Amino acid sequence: MDIYKRIGAVCRMIPEGAVASYGQIALLCGKPRNARQVGYALKHGLAGQAPAHRVVNAKGLLSGAASFETYDMQKMLLEGEGVSVTRKEEGWHVDLARYGWKHTLEEALLLEEYFREEGI
């Protein structure tokens, strides 16, 4: 299994104007306990051309600043897609109830089939 290719494939499925959590990505990759590995892959470019700006932590906080040229780049990219980002005491925040990607069972099964066909 190539977890990094899986992470890239899942991230590319996140629709424009939506966000997903590191844990959600890990779950869809078949590795539900590997949320930190998702962050590592995105930070170090191991997941290919994945839209890393669409990935936030489980609380909806933008936590990928180290992956971008400037500390507010992730915020600007999300706002450019219509996602409202607000400032909280903990940092920049996205309302997961409103902008969280609610993947379908069909999407999860398509990913599983893709992973099997690609041998990843």
C-alpha atoms as a PDB file:
ATOM      1  CA  MET A   1       0.000   0.000   0.000  1.00  0.00           C
ATOM      2  CA  ASP A   2       1.312   3.429  -0.937  1.00  0.00           C
ATOM      3  CA  ILE A   3      -0.300   5.639   1.688  1.00  0.00           C
ATOM      4  CA  TYR A   4       1.027   8.832   0.105  1.00  0.00           C
ATOM      5  CA  LYS A   5      -0.607   8.096  -3.256  1.00  0.00           C
ATOM      6  CA  ARG A   6      -3.823   7.294  -1.409  1.00  0.00           C
ATOM      7  CA  ILE A   7      -3.657  10.589   0.497  1.00  0.00           C
ATOM      8  CA  GLY A   8      -3.199  12.494  -2.757  1.00  0.00           C
ATOM      9  CA  ALA A   9      -6.124  10.706  -4.408  1.00  0.00           C
ATOM     10  CA  VAL A  10      -8.453  11.402  -1.484  1.00  0.00           C
ATOM     11  CA  CYS A  11      -7.420  15.051  -1.223  1.00  0.00           C
ATOM     12  CA  ARG A  12      -8.061  15.567  -4.930  1.00  0.00           C
ATOM     13  CA  MET A  13     -11.660  14.406  -4.348  1.00  0.00           C
ATOM     14  CA  ILE A  14     -12.407  17.172  -1.830  1.00  0.00           C
ATOM     15  CA  PRO A  15     -14.714  19.518  -3.726  1.00  0.00           C
ATOM     16  CA  GLU A  16     -13.815  23.166  -4.212  1.00  0.00           C
ATOM     17  CA  GLY A  17     -15.403  25.210  -1.423  1.00  0.00           C
ATOM     18  CA  ALA A  18     -15.226  22.340   1.080  1.00  0.00           C
ATOM     19  CA  VAL A  19     -12.719  21.105   3.656  1.00  0.00           C
ATOM     20  CA  ALA A  20     -11.895  17.725   5.170  1.00  0.00           C
ATOM     21  CA  SER A  21     -10.066  16.788   8.347  1.00  0.00           C
ATOM     22  CA  TYR A  22      -6.775  14.923   8.526  1.00  0.00           C
ATOM     23  CA  GLY A  23      -8.648  12.093  10.239  1.00  0.00           C
ATOM     24  CA  GLN A  24     -11.274  11.921   7.511  1.00  0.00           C
ATOM     25  CA  ILE A  25      -8.537  11.654   4.886  1.00  0.00           C
ATOM     26  CA  ALA A  26      -6.811   8.908   6.875  1.00  0.00           C
ATOM     27  CA  LEU A  27     -10.087   7.007   7.245  1.00  0.00           C
ATOM     28  CA  LEU A  28     -10.787   7.144   3.501  1.00  0.00           C
ATOM     29  CA  CYS A  29      -7.228   5.922   2.876  1.00  0.00           C
ATOM     30  CA  GLY A  30      -7.979   2.823   4.958  1.00  0.00           C
ATOM     31  CA  LYS A  31      -5.695   3.978   7.791  1.00  0.00           C
ATOM     32  CA  PRO A  32      -8.046   5.619  10.328  1.00  0.00           C
ATOM     33  CA  ARG A  33      -5.337   6.057  12.962  1.00  0.00           C
ATOM     34  CA  ASN A  34      -2.865   7.828  10.661  1.00  0.00           C
ATOM     35  CA  ALA A  35      -4.105  11.433  10.677  1.00  0.00           C
ATOM     36  CA  ARG A  36      -0.616  12.709  11.545  1.00  0.00           C
ATOM     37  CA  GLN A  37       0.813  10.878   8.549  1.00  0.00           C
ATOM     38  CA  VAL A  38      -1.660  12.789   6.355  1.00  0.00           C
ATOM     39  CA  GLY A  39      -0.289  16.053   7.741  1.00  0.00           C
ATOM     40  CA  TYR A  40       3.278  14.882   7.204  1.00  0.00           C
ATOM     41  CA  ALA A  41       2.556  13.911   3.597  1.00  0.00           C
ATOM     42  CA  LEU A  42       0.929  17.241   2.795  1.00  0.00           C
ATOM     43  CA  LYS A  43       3.629  19.273   4.544  1.00  0.00           C
ATOM     44  CA  HIS A  44       6.439  17.521   2.668  1.00  0.00           C
ATOM     45  CA  GLY A  45       4.726  17.289  -0.732  1.00  0.00           C
ATOM     46  CA  LEU A  46       4.591  13.483  -0.638  1.00  0.00           C
ATOM     47  CA  ALA A  47       0.973  13.347  -1.816  1.00  0.00           C
ATOM     48  CA  GLY A  48       1.639  14.897  -5.216  1.00  0.00           C
ATOM     49  CA  GLN A  49      -0.439  17.843  -6.403  1.00  0.00           C
ATOM     50  CA  ALA A  50      -2.997  17.564  -3.613  1.00  0.00           C
ATOM     51  CA  PRO A  51      -5.064  20.610  -2.613  1.00  0.00           C
ATOM     52  CA  ALA A  52      -3.587  20.739   0.903  1.00  0.00           C
ATOM     53  CA  HIS A  53      -5.373  24.003   1.655  1.00  0.00           C
ATOM     54  CA  ARG A  54      -8.655  22.052   1.900  1.00  0.00           C
ATOM     55  CA  VAL A  55      -7.429  19.996   4.863  1.00  0.00           C
ATOM     56  CA  VAL A  56      -8.000  21.246   8.420  1.00  0.00           C
ATOM     57  CA  ASN A  57      -7.838  19.680  11.868  1.00  0.00           C
ATOM     58  CA  ALA A  58     -10.780  17.955  13.559  1.00  0.00           C
ATOM     59  CA  LYS A  59     -11.875  21.211  15.214  1.00  0.00           C
ATOM     60  CA  GLY A  60     -11.952  23.077  11.906  1.00  0.00           C
ATOM     61  CA  LEU A  61      -8.730  24.954  12.658  1.00  0.00           C
ATOM     62  CA  LEU A  62      -6.314  25.756   9.855  1.00  0.00           C
ATOM     63  CA  SER A  63      -3.221  23.932  11.006  1.00  0.00           C
ATOM     64  CA  GLY A  64      -1.219  23.583   7.821  1.00  0.00           C
ATOM     65  CA  ALA A  65       0.619  26.920   7.856  1.00  0.00           C
ATOM     66  CA  ALA A  66       3.993  25.168   7.552  1.00  0.00           C
ATOM     67  CA  SER A  67       2.870  23.792   4.181  1.00  0.00           C
ATOM     68  CA  PHE A  68       2.400  27.223   2.588  1.00  0.00           C
ATOM     69  CA  GLU A  69       4.608  30.132   1.545  1.00  0.00           C
ATOM     70  CA  THR A  70       2.972  32.529   4.021  1.00  0.00           C
ATOM     71  CA  TYR A  71       1.126  31.921   7.277  1.00  0.00           C
ATOM     72  CA  ASP A  72      -2.178  33.156   5.815  1.00  0.00           C
ATOM     73  CA  MET A  73      -1.962  31.467   2.394  1.00  0.00           C
ATOM     74  CA  GLN A  74      -4.285  28.592   3.391  1.00  0.00           C
ATOM     75  CA  LYS A  75      -6.859  31.125   4.612  1.00  0.00           C
ATOM     76  CA  MET A  76      -6.640  33.127   1.382  1.00  0.00           C
ATOM     77  CA  LEU A  77      -6.976  30.019  -0.811  1.00  0.00           C
ATOM     78  CA  LEU A  78     -10.047  28.836   1.102  1.00  0.00           C
ATOM     79  CA  GLU A  79     -11.658  32.262   1.002  1.00  0.00           C
ATOM     80  CA  GLY A  80     -10.994  32.331  -2.744  1.00  0.00           C
ATOM     81  CA  GLU A  81     -13.169  29.217  -3.004  1.00  0.00           C
ATOM     82  CA  GLY A  82     -15.972  30.805  -0.988  1.00  0.00           C
ATOM     83  CA  VAL A  83     -15.137  29.241   2.388  1.00  0.00           C
ATOM     84  CA  SER A  84     -15.656  31.629   5.294  1.00  0.00           C
ATOM     85  CA  VAL A  85     -12.651  31.636   7.642  1.00  0.00           C
ATOM     86  CA  THR A  86     -13.035  33.345  11.008  1.00  0.00           C
ATOM     87  CA  ARG A  87     -10.541  34.206  13.712  1.00  0.00           C
ATOM     88  CA  LYS A  88     -10.889  32.430  17.049  1.00  0.00           C
ATOM     89  CA  GLU A  89      -8.643  32.454  20.080  1.00  0.00           C
ATOM     90  CA  GLU A  90      -7.051  29.176  18.893  1.00  0.00           C
ATOM     91  CA  GLY A  91      -6.461  30.450  15.349  1.00  0.00           C
ATOM     92  CA  TRP A  92      -8.170  30.613  11.959  1.00  0.00           C
ATOM     93  CA  HIS A  93     -11.328  28.489  11.905  1.00  0.00           C
ATOM     94  CA  VAL A  94     -13.722  26.964   9.362  1.00  0.00           C
ATOM     95  CA  ASP A  95     -17.236  25.882  10.326  1.00  0.00           C
ATOM     96  CA  LEU A  96     -17.151  22.136   9.612  1.00  0.00           C
ATOM     97  CA  ALA A  97     -20.944  21.868   9.822  1.00  0.00           C
ATOM     98  CA  ARG A  98     -21.190  24.286   6.901  1.00  0.00           C
ATOM     99  CA  TYR A  99     -18.037  23.608   4.856  1.00  0.00           C
ATOM    100  CA  GLY A 100     -17.019  20.098   5.884  1.00  0.00           C
ATOM    101  CA  TRP A 101     -16.917  17.579   3.039  1.00  0.00           C
ATOM    102  CA  LYS A 102     -19.620  15.030   3.671  1.00  0.00           C
ATOM    103  CA  HIS A 103     -18.295  12.262   1.460  1.00  0.00           C
ATOM    104  CA  THR A 104     -20.785   9.659   0.344  1.00  0.00           C
ATOM    105  CA  LEU A 105     -20.610   5.898   0.566  1.00  0.00           C
ATOM    106  CA  GLU A 106     -20.391   5.882  -3.227  1.00  0.00           C
ATOM    107  CA  GLU A 107     -17.287   8.101  -3.100  1.00  0.00           C
ATOM    108  CA  ALA A 108     -15.684   5.852  -0.478  1.00  0.00           C
ATOM    109  CA  LEU A 109     -16.358   2.783  -2.603  1.00  0.00           C
ATOM    110  CA  LEU A 110     -14.987   4.503  -5.710  1.00  0.00           C
ATOM    111  CA  LEU A 111     -11.786   5.276  -3.808  1.00  0.00           C
ATOM    112  CA  GLU A 112     -11.525   1.672  -2.625  1.00  0.00           C
ATOM    113  CA  GLU A 113     -11.934   0.444  -6.201  1.00  0.00           C
ATOM    114  CA  TYR A 114      -9.373   2.971  -7.459  1.00  0.00           C
ATOM    115  CA  PHE A 115      -6.844   1.872  -4.821  1.00  0.00           C
ATOM    116  CA  ARG A 116      -7.364  -1.764  -5.790  1.00  0.00           C
ATOM    117  CA  GLU A 117      -7.050  -1.091  -9.534  1.00  0.00           C
ATOM    118  CA  GLU A 118      -3.915   1.037  -9.089  1.00  0.00           C
ATOM    119  CA  GLY A 119      -2.386  -1.374  -6.597  1.00  0.00           C
ATOM    120  CA  ILE A 120      -1.952   1.361  -3.994  1.00  0.00           C
END
